[in-house]
Protein backbone atom coordinates (compact mmCIF):
# COMPACT_ATOMS: atom_id res chain seq x y z
CA MET A 1 74.45 49.59 10.82
CA GLN A 2 72.23 48.12 8.14
CA THR A 3 73.04 44.59 9.37
CA ASN A 4 72.13 45.46 12.94
CA LYS A 5 68.64 46.51 11.82
CA THR A 6 67.87 43.27 9.95
CA ILE A 7 64.81 41.59 11.44
CA VAL A 8 65.54 37.92 12.17
CA LYS A 9 63.16 34.97 11.78
CA GLU A 10 65.27 32.42 13.60
CA PHE A 11 67.84 32.27 16.37
CA ILE A 12 71.09 30.32 16.60
CA PHE A 13 72.12 28.90 19.95
CA VAL A 14 75.73 29.53 20.89
CA GLY A 15 75.36 27.08 23.78
CA PHE A 16 78.19 24.66 24.28
CA SER A 17 79.88 25.53 20.96
CA LEU A 18 82.24 27.57 23.12
CA TYR A 19 83.52 24.25 24.46
CA PRO A 20 83.97 22.07 21.32
CA ASP A 21 86.43 19.65 22.91
CA VAL A 22 83.95 18.39 25.50
CA GLN A 23 80.67 18.42 23.56
CA THR A 24 80.62 14.64 23.04
CA LEU A 25 81.38 14.04 26.71
CA LEU A 26 78.66 16.49 27.73
CA PHE A 27 76.19 14.73 25.42
CA VAL A 28 76.85 11.36 27.12
CA ILE A 29 76.61 12.87 30.64
CA PHE A 30 73.45 14.85 29.93
CA LEU A 31 71.79 11.95 28.11
CA CYS A 32 72.42 9.62 31.08
CA LEU A 33 71.10 12.19 33.56
CA TYR A 34 68.08 12.83 31.35
CA LEU A 35 67.20 9.14 31.03
CA LEU A 36 67.64 8.61 34.79
CA THR A 37 65.43 11.64 35.44
CA LEU A 38 62.68 10.22 33.18
CA VAL A 39 62.94 6.79 34.82
CA GLY A 40 62.80 8.29 38.32
CA ASN A 41 59.80 10.50 37.64
CA LEU A 42 57.91 7.83 35.69
CA THR A 43 58.55 5.36 38.52
CA ILE A 44 57.10 7.75 41.08
CA MET A 45 54.04 8.43 38.94
CA GLY A 46 53.56 4.72 38.20
CA LEU A 47 53.87 3.61 41.83
CA THR A 48 51.49 6.34 42.97
CA TRP A 49 48.99 5.17 40.35
CA VAL A 50 49.08 1.41 41.08
CA ASP A 51 49.50 1.39 44.85
CA ARG A 52 46.33 2.45 46.67
CA ALA A 53 48.31 3.04 49.84
CA LEU A 54 49.89 6.01 48.04
CA HIS A 55 46.57 7.61 47.12
CA THR A 56 47.07 10.30 49.74
CA PRO A 57 47.52 14.07 49.39
CA MET A 58 51.30 13.94 49.96
CA TYR A 59 51.83 11.46 47.12
CA ILE A 60 49.29 13.11 44.84
CA PHE A 61 51.37 16.31 45.09
CA LEU A 62 54.58 14.30 44.61
CA SER A 63 53.15 12.65 41.51
CA ALA A 64 52.05 16.04 40.18
CA LEU A 65 55.56 17.40 40.77
CA SER A 66 57.07 14.39 38.93
CA PHE A 67 54.76 14.97 35.95
CA SER A 68 55.55 18.69 35.89
CA GLU A 69 59.30 18.07 36.07
CA THR A 70 59.08 15.47 33.30
CA CYS A 71 57.44 18.07 31.04
CA TYR A 72 59.96 20.66 32.29
CA THR A 73 62.91 18.58 31.08
CA LEU A 74 61.14 17.70 27.81
CA SER A 75 60.86 21.43 26.98
CA ILE A 76 64.62 21.92 26.69
CA THR A 77 66.76 18.78 27.14
CA PRO A 78 65.99 16.94 23.82
CA LYS A 79 66.84 20.09 21.82
CA MET A 80 69.97 20.63 23.89
CA LEU A 81 71.11 17.03 23.27
CA THR A 82 70.47 17.39 19.54
CA ASP A 83 72.43 20.64 19.35
CA LEU A 84 75.44 19.08 21.11
CA LEU A 85 75.89 16.79 18.09
CA ALA A 86 74.48 18.99 15.30
CA LYS A 87 76.15 21.77 13.35
CA ASN A 88 72.87 23.62 12.81
CA ARG A 89 71.71 24.94 16.18
CA SER A 90 68.90 27.12 14.93
CA ILE A 91 65.34 27.56 16.22
CA SER A 92 62.53 29.65 14.76
CA VAL A 93 61.29 32.74 16.61
CA ILE A 94 57.92 31.03 17.15
CA GLY A 95 59.61 27.86 18.36
CA CYS A 96 61.74 29.92 20.72
CA GLY A 97 58.66 31.63 22.13
CA LEU A 98 56.93 28.28 22.70
CA GLN A 99 60.02 26.81 24.35
CA MET A 100 60.34 29.81 26.65
CA CYS A 101 56.64 29.76 27.50
CA PHE A 102 56.68 26.10 28.48
CA PHE A 103 59.99 26.33 30.30
CA LEU A 104 58.90 29.33 32.40
CA GLY A 105 55.38 27.93 32.90
CA LEU A 106 56.57 24.53 34.07
CA GLY A 107 59.29 26.08 36.23
CA GLY A 108 56.67 28.26 37.90
CA THR A 109 54.36 25.26 38.30
CA ASN A 110 57.17 23.39 40.07
CA CYS A 111 57.58 26.29 42.51
CA PHE A 112 53.84 26.39 43.26
CA ILE A 113 53.59 22.61 43.72
CA LEU A 114 56.55 22.64 46.13
CA THR A 115 54.71 25.39 48.01
CA LEU A 116 51.55 23.22 48.13
CA MET A 117 53.60 20.30 49.43
CA GLY A 118 54.80 22.53 52.26
CA TYR A 119 51.23 23.59 52.96
CA ASP A 120 50.21 19.92 53.03
CA ARG A 121 52.86 19.13 55.66
CA PHE A 122 51.78 22.19 57.65
CA LEU A 123 48.16 20.97 57.81
CA ALA A 124 49.17 17.35 58.55
CA ILE A 125 51.39 18.30 61.48
CA CYS A 126 49.81 21.48 62.84
CA ASN A 127 46.14 20.57 62.24
CA PRO A 128 46.01 16.72 62.23
CA LEU A 129 42.31 16.54 63.26
CA ARG A 130 41.09 18.80 60.46
CA TYR A 131 43.59 17.51 57.91
CA PRO A 132 41.36 14.74 56.43
CA LEU A 133 38.52 17.24 56.00
CA LEU A 134 40.62 20.01 54.46
CA MET A 135 43.01 18.03 52.27
CA THR A 136 40.74 15.69 50.31
CA ASN A 137 41.70 14.23 46.92
CA THR A 138 39.30 16.67 45.26
CA ALA A 139 40.92 19.59 47.05
CA CYS A 140 44.35 18.31 45.99
CA GLY A 141 43.24 18.17 42.37
CA LYS A 142 41.98 21.76 42.51
CA LEU A 143 45.21 22.97 44.15
CA VAL A 144 47.35 21.26 41.51
CA ALA A 145 45.21 22.77 38.76
CA SER A 146 45.65 26.22 40.34
CA ALA A 147 49.43 25.65 40.44
CA TRP A 148 49.46 24.96 36.70
CA ALA A 149 47.21 27.95 36.02
CA GLY A 150 49.40 30.24 38.13
CA GLY A 151 52.63 29.01 36.57
CA PHE A 152 51.42 29.52 33.00
CA PHE A 153 49.75 32.84 33.77
CA VAL A 154 53.15 34.21 34.83
CA SER A 155 54.80 32.51 31.88
CA LEU A 156 52.38 33.91 29.30
CA THR A 157 52.79 37.40 30.80
CA GLU A 158 56.59 37.26 30.59
CA THR A 159 56.69 35.64 27.15
CA THR A 160 54.22 38.22 25.74
CA LEU A 161 56.36 41.08 27.08
CA ILE A 162 59.49 39.61 25.50
CA PHE A 163 58.02 38.70 22.11
CA ARG A 164 55.76 41.73 21.62
CA GLY A 165 58.21 43.27 19.12
CA PHE A 166 60.77 42.20 16.54
CA PHE A 167 64.31 40.92 16.97
CA CYS A 168 67.35 42.30 15.21
CA SER A 169 70.57 40.63 14.11
CA PRO A 170 72.95 39.30 15.16
CA ASN A 171 70.60 36.42 15.98
CA LEU A 172 73.00 34.58 18.31
CA VAL A 173 71.43 33.47 21.58
CA LYS A 174 74.26 33.05 24.08
CA HIS A 175 72.66 30.05 25.70
CA PHE A 176 71.64 26.44 24.97
CA PHE A 177 67.91 27.27 25.16
CA CYS A 178 65.67 30.33 24.89
CA HIS A 179 66.55 31.87 28.20
CA MET A 180 64.61 35.08 28.66
CA ARG A 181 67.61 37.33 29.38
CA ALA A 182 69.55 36.05 26.38
CA VAL A 183 66.56 36.58 24.05
CA ILE A 184 65.55 39.99 25.41
CA ARG A 185 68.97 41.43 24.48
CA LEU A 186 68.23 40.69 20.79
CA SER A 187 65.03 42.76 20.75
CA CYS A 188 64.86 45.68 18.34
CA LEU A 189 63.01 47.60 21.06
CA GLY A 190 64.68 48.97 24.18
CA SER A 191 65.45 45.86 26.20
CA TYR A 192 66.41 47.33 29.56
CA LEU A 193 62.89 48.04 30.85
CA THR A 194 61.52 44.71 29.55
CA GLU A 195 64.41 42.81 31.11
CA PHE A 196 63.87 44.61 34.42
CA ILE A 197 60.11 43.84 34.42
CA VAL A 198 60.37 40.12 33.55
CA THR A 199 63.28 39.64 35.94
CA LEU A 200 61.30 41.37 38.70
CA ILE A 201 58.31 39.12 38.07
CA SER A 202 60.51 36.03 38.22
CA VAL A 203 62.30 37.15 41.39
CA LEU A 204 59.02 38.04 43.14
CA GLY A 205 57.56 34.67 42.20
CA LEU A 206 60.66 32.86 43.36
CA LEU A 207 61.01 34.73 46.64
CA GLY A 208 57.25 34.73 47.28
CA THR A 209 56.90 30.97 47.06
CA PHE A 210 60.10 30.41 49.02
CA LEU A 211 58.92 32.72 51.84
CA LEU A 212 55.57 30.90 51.99
CA ILE A 213 57.40 27.57 52.35
CA THR A 214 59.69 29.06 54.99
CA LEU A 215 56.65 30.36 56.88
CA THR A 216 54.94 26.95 56.86
CA TYR A 217 58.10 25.31 58.21
CA ILE A 218 58.36 27.88 60.99
CA PHE A 219 54.89 26.78 62.15
CA VAL A 220 55.81 23.11 61.62
CA LEU A 221 59.00 23.48 63.66
CA SER A 222 57.19 25.23 66.51
CA THR A 223 54.59 22.44 66.59
CA VAL A 224 57.16 19.61 66.40
CA LEU A 225 59.24 21.06 69.24
CA ARG A 226 56.15 20.84 71.49
CA ILE A 227 55.84 17.08 70.88
CA PRO A 228 56.93 15.42 74.17
CA SER A 229 58.46 12.20 72.79
CA ALA A 230 61.69 12.06 70.80
CA GLU A 231 60.17 9.36 68.58
CA GLY A 232 57.25 11.62 67.71
CA LYS A 233 59.59 14.46 66.81
CA GLN A 234 61.71 12.21 64.64
CA LYS A 235 58.65 10.86 62.81
CA ALA A 236 57.33 14.37 62.15
CA PHE A 237 60.70 15.59 60.87
CA SER A 238 61.13 12.54 58.66
CA THR A 239 57.95 13.36 56.71
CA CYS A 240 59.42 16.77 55.85
CA ALA A 241 63.08 15.91 55.24
CA SER A 242 62.80 14.99 51.53
CA HIS A 243 60.64 17.97 50.67
CA LEU A 244 62.87 20.40 52.54
CA THR A 245 65.98 19.03 50.82
CA VAL A 246 64.44 19.44 47.37
CA VAL A 247 63.24 22.96 48.24
CA ILE A 248 66.76 24.02 49.23
CA ILE A 249 68.27 22.58 46.06
CA HIS A 250 65.54 23.93 43.77
CA PHE A 251 65.39 27.46 45.10
CA GLY A 252 69.13 27.59 45.77
CA PHE A 253 70.10 26.86 42.16
CA ALA A 254 67.31 29.08 40.76
CA SER A 255 68.36 32.02 42.96
CA ILE A 256 71.90 31.83 41.56
CA VAL A 257 70.51 32.50 38.10
CA TYR A 258 67.97 35.22 38.89
CA LEU A 259 69.72 37.01 41.74
CA LYS A 260 73.26 37.03 40.37
CA PRO A 261 74.74 40.41 39.35
CA GLU A 262 74.61 41.40 35.70
CA SER A 263 77.64 40.09 33.84
CA SER A 264 79.01 40.79 30.39
CA VAL A 265 80.79 37.45 30.36
CA GLY A 266 78.93 34.61 28.54
CA ASP A 267 78.83 32.32 31.58
CA ASP A 268 75.05 31.89 31.75
CA THR A 269 75.30 28.56 29.92
CA LEU A 270 77.30 26.86 32.66
CA ILE A 271 75.28 28.54 35.44
CA ALA A 272 72.02 27.18 33.93
CA ILE A 273 73.14 23.51 34.07
CA PRO A 274 72.32 22.99 37.79
CA TYR A 275 68.69 24.09 37.60
CA THR A 276 67.93 22.67 34.15
CA VAL A 277 69.68 19.29 34.37
CA ILE A 278 70.89 18.51 37.89
CA THR A 279 67.86 19.64 39.93
CA PRO A 280 65.31 17.58 37.94
CA PHE A 281 67.66 14.59 38.29
CA LEU A 282 68.10 14.93 42.06
CA SER A 283 64.42 15.55 42.88
CA PRO A 284 63.01 12.03 42.16
CA LEU A 285 66.18 10.49 43.61
CA ILE A 286 65.75 12.26 46.93
CA PHE A 287 61.99 11.60 47.16
CA SER A 288 62.38 7.90 46.38
CA LEU A 289 65.51 7.04 48.35
CA ARG A 290 64.37 8.83 51.52
CA ASN A 291 60.80 7.57 51.43
CA LYS A 292 59.87 4.24 53.07
CA ASP A 293 56.37 4.16 51.54
CA MET A 294 57.79 4.54 48.05
CA LYS A 295 60.35 1.78 48.70
CA ASN A 296 57.63 -0.52 50.04
CA ALA A 297 55.41 0.16 47.03
CA PHE A 298 58.32 -0.66 44.72
CA ARG A 299 58.97 -3.94 46.55
CA LYS A 300 55.26 -4.86 46.35
CA VAL A 301 55.22 -4.24 42.59
CA LEU A 302 58.34 -6.35 42.11
CA GLY A 303 56.82 -9.09 44.28
CA LYS A 304 53.59 -9.16 42.25
CA ASN A 305 55.48 -9.27 38.96
CA LYS A 306 57.67 -12.11 40.25
CA GLY A 307 54.63 -14.06 41.46
CA ALA A 308 52.75 -13.52 38.19
CA CYS A 309 55.73 -14.72 36.19
CA ILE A 310 56.07 -17.91 38.27
CA ILE A 311 52.34 -18.73 37.98
CA THR A 312 51.84 -17.99 34.28
CA ALA A 313 55.11 -19.22 32.87
CA GLY A 314 56.36 -21.62 35.49
CA LEU A 315 59.62 -19.70 35.52
CA LYS A 316 61.54 -17.89 38.23
CA CYS A 317 62.03 -14.15 37.75
CA TYR A 318 65.38 -12.84 38.86
């Protein structure tokens, strides 16, 4: 009983130590996915910056999403990769609080930006005449700033509720990062009410943004179906296809985590992989492969680099 009342100053991640035989393989897989995710997001941000044809609201939001997702993966993946090879998987209580705050804040920011992207498509298709007046670059900047503010407001609220007291031993976090449910259960205070409140906040935020996106696409669908030509319908749908695919993947994986029944089995580690590793990897892939403007911008950049190399060095660039 005395041990159970010991106040801890650091946590130890159980993480993938439950699967010692595959830790090296997991390190290689996760490292490759992480590097590809960084390359994909940095490519989107770079192309949006250098190509003036992409200085439009849709690509401003896409670039903002890429930046947010880059920070999102930075908040947990480097530590996870280190712990896969290290024997000491500890993190201080303060470090855990910061990791949780950034992870929740950036996750919430992603949800809000995806909602803004849906709103952008709604205005472009349902109100094309007023769209240039309503969705200016200045307005886009303010909307992105509000998405960050909203995401971190929710995050700070949840993190403050979780870390308002002390934590008692055992200090084993049954996860590979400071997931709020895993940390709450180590609190010296009664954890049930806190867990219910923070889970409710997350679920409401998740469902609220998803319902707003669904509502915008109901209006978009009703407008597109009234377009007389098949070519016009296809063009309208094509501008929404990538965003809708990412929304389904993002909210689908997140709902598995937050809406799943309570379980005493330590399976949260495996369940968290899709929305912490796979979703950030798929997002830039989907937006770049299914986007003609992004492909054209990439070809133009390659063409300029090739031409510059031939002129300055007298060499061919392959």
